[in-house]
Amino acid sequence: MTLAPDLEIKIKILIESLGFTLYDIFNIKENENQILRICITKSNREDSASVTLEDCQEVSLALSPLLDVEMPNSEKYFLEVSSPGIERTLRTLAHYQNAIGELVKIKTINKKEFKGKLLQVNQNTLTLEDTQANMQIIPLESIKKAQTYFEW
């Protein structure tokens, strides 16, 4: 199940009208279930870590009628609305920019791994201070997987 680009725009607009920001959309299959997982954050960045269960329910209730109309012939799926979590996937330039100052783990296409504090992001590269206090400049196009992490 893939979403049409215009449907993603409608989802984004609806979520923003409720005072949230669309963080990401995932179409995943777990066991035999198709899941449409929509991750949201609060529009106010200082409050972004505090998406509540009630917030998720509000967004889910608002999205359900839109999805029923826009996806009438799609296979059966489960809608999940959640926050991206404290250890969240970074996929877009905005994700990286919003993670400046946080700890990140990065795997590159050529299988190199980096861990450290994200210091800077521009259109083509990011700067990471690794665990030995070395500055690493990593081209965004070389990143295979990136996510924030939390040290307990």
Protein backbone atom coordinates (compact mmCIF):
# COMPACT_ATOMS: atom_id res chain seq x y z
CA MET A 1 0.00 0.00 0.00
CA THR A 2 1.52 3.28 -1.09
CA LEU A 3 0.06 6.70 -0.52
CA ALA A 4 -0.42 9.13 -3.36
CA PRO A 5 1.63 12.33 -2.95
CA ASP A 6 -1.54 14.44 -2.88
CA LEU A 7 -2.90 12.31 -0.01
CA GLU A 8 0.31 12.88 1.96
CA ILE A 9 -0.19 16.63 1.46
CA LYS A 10 -3.80 16.39 2.69
CA ILE A 11 -2.66 14.42 5.75
CA LYS A 12 0.01 17.04 6.48
CA ILE A 13 -2.46 19.92 6.17
CA LEU A 14 -5.01 18.21 8.42
CA ILE A 15 -2.40 17.44 11.07
CA GLU A 16 -1.10 21.02 10.98
CA SER A 17 -4.65 22.37 11.36
CA LEU A 18 -4.80 20.52 14.69
CA GLY A 19 -1.58 22.17 15.95
CA PHE A 20 0.81 19.31 15.20
CA THR A 21 3.53 18.64 12.66
CA LEU A 22 3.74 15.55 10.47
CA TYR A 23 7.08 13.93 11.28
CA ASP A 24 6.86 10.88 9.04
CA ILE A 25 4.57 8.28 7.47
CA PHE A 26 5.45 4.59 7.41
CA ASN A 27 3.67 1.81 5.54
CA ILE A 28 4.75 -1.40 7.19
CA LYS A 29 3.66 -4.99 7.34
CA GLU A 30 3.84 -6.73 10.72
CA ASN A 31 2.89 -10.38 10.68
CA GLU A 32 -0.06 -10.38 8.30
CA ASN A 33 -1.22 -6.86 9.19
CA GLN A 34 -0.74 -3.77 7.03
CA ILE A 35 -0.07 -0.74 9.25
CA LEU A 36 -0.18 2.92 8.29
CA ARG A 37 1.93 4.56 11.01
CA ILE A 38 1.81 8.34 11.19
CA CYS A 39 4.25 10.08 13.51
CA ILE A 40 3.50 13.56 14.80
CA THR A 41 5.21 16.18 16.90
CA LYS A 42 3.90 19.31 18.53
CA SER A 43 4.21 22.37 16.31
CA ASN A 44 5.86 24.29 19.14
CA ARG A 45 9.42 22.84 19.20
CA GLU A 46 9.87 23.36 22.97
CA ASP A 47 6.83 21.14 23.48
CA SER A 48 7.70 18.56 20.78
CA ALA A 49 8.62 15.73 23.15
CA SER A 50 5.28 15.82 24.89
CA VAL A 51 2.86 14.28 22.38
CA THR A 52 0.26 12.59 24.56
CA LEU A 53 -2.00 9.62 24.03
CA GLU A 54 -4.91 12.07 23.81
CA ASP A 55 -3.09 13.99 21.05
CA CYS A 56 -2.63 10.77 19.08
CA GLN A 57 -6.28 9.89 19.53
CA GLU A 58 -7.36 13.37 18.37
CA VAL A 59 -5.26 13.10 15.20
CA SER A 60 -6.39 9.52 14.55
CA LEU A 61 -10.06 10.47 14.83
CA ALA A 62 -9.53 13.40 12.46
CA LEU A 63 -7.58 11.32 9.91
CA SER A 64 -9.93 8.32 9.77
CA PRO A 65 -12.68 10.00 7.69
CA LEU A 66 -10.11 11.47 5.29
CA LEU A 67 -8.46 8.07 4.78
CA ASP A 68 -11.85 6.36 4.36
CA VAL A 69 -12.67 8.74 1.50
CA GLU A 70 -9.20 8.89 -0.08
CA MET A 71 -8.37 5.18 0.18
CA PRO A 72 -11.69 3.36 -0.38
CA ASN A 73 -10.23 0.53 -2.48
CA SER A 74 -7.08 -0.12 -0.52
CA GLU A 75 -6.47 -3.32 1.37
CA LYS A 76 -7.41 -3.51 5.03
CA TYR A 77 -4.95 -1.61 7.23
CA PHE A 78 -4.54 -0.42 10.79
CA LEU A 79 -3.96 3.27 11.46
CA GLU A 80 -1.46 4.08 14.19
CA VAL A 81 -0.69 7.63 15.26
CA SER A 82 2.27 8.15 17.57
CA SER A 83 5.17 10.40 18.41
CA PRO A 84 8.43 9.52 16.66
CA GLY A 85 9.91 8.69 20.06
CA ILE A 86 13.11 9.70 21.79
CA GLU A 87 15.15 7.44 19.49
CA ARG A 88 13.73 8.41 16.13
CA THR A 89 14.67 7.80 12.53
CA LEU A 90 16.21 10.70 10.62
CA ARG A 91 15.36 10.69 6.91
CA THR A 92 14.81 14.25 5.74
CA LEU A 93 16.84 17.44 5.90
CA ALA A 94 14.28 18.84 8.37
CA HIS A 95 14.71 15.75 10.60
CA TYR A 96 18.47 16.35 10.72
CA GLN A 97 18.08 20.09 11.33
CA ASN A 98 15.66 19.48 14.20
CA ALA A 99 18.11 16.99 15.75
CA ILE A 100 21.02 19.45 16.01
CA GLY A 101 22.50 19.16 19.50
CA GLU A 102 21.27 15.58 19.96
CA LEU A 103 23.16 12.30 19.93
CA VAL A 104 22.89 10.40 16.64
CA LYS A 105 23.97 7.06 15.18
CA ILE A 106 24.77 6.95 11.48
CA LYS A 107 25.48 4.08 9.12
CA THR A 108 26.79 4.94 5.68
CA ILE A 109 26.35 3.16 2.38
CA ASN A 110 29.95 1.92 2.61
CA LYS A 111 29.21 0.39 6.04
CA LYS A 112 31.01 2.96 8.20
CA GLU A 113 29.35 3.74 11.53
CA PHE A 114 29.46 7.00 13.45
CA LYS A 115 28.08 7.98 16.86
CA GLY A 116 28.14 11.40 18.43
CA LYS A 117 26.57 14.80 18.83
CA LEU A 118 25.06 16.39 15.72
CA LEU A 119 26.53 19.88 15.49
CA GLN A 120 25.58 21.25 12.09
CA VAL A 121 23.57 20.40 8.98
CA ASN A 122 23.59 22.03 5.56
CA GLN A 123 22.16 21.02 2.19
CA ASN A 124 24.85 18.41 1.47
CA THR A 125 26.63 17.44 4.70
CA LEU A 126 26.31 17.14 8.43
CA THR A 127 28.94 17.69 11.08
CA LEU A 128 29.16 15.26 13.95
CA GLU A 129 31.37 15.37 17.03
CA ASP A 130 32.17 11.71 17.61
CA THR A 131 32.74 10.02 20.96
CA GLN A 132 36.49 10.88 20.82
CA ALA A 133 35.68 14.60 20.26
CA ASN A 134 36.73 14.39 16.59
CA MET A 135 34.74 16.34 14.01
CA GLN A 136 33.28 14.14 11.28
CA ILE A 137 31.82 15.67 8.12
CA ILE A 138 29.45 13.21 6.50
CA PRO A 139 27.82 13.72 3.09
CA LEU A 140 24.06 13.31 3.39
CA GLU A 141 23.97 11.26 0.19
CA SER A 142 26.25 8.64 1.80
CA ILE A 143 23.92 7.98 4.74
CA LYS A 144 22.08 4.68 4.65
CA LYS A 145 20.47 4.89 8.10
CA ALA A 146 20.43 7.53 10.82
CA GLN A 147 18.64 7.89 14.12
CA THR A 148 18.85 9.75 17.37
CA TYR A 149 19.78 7.82 20.49
CA PHE A 150 19.56 8.37 24.18
CA GLU A 151 22.24 7.51 26.75
CA TRP A 152 20.72 6.22 29.96
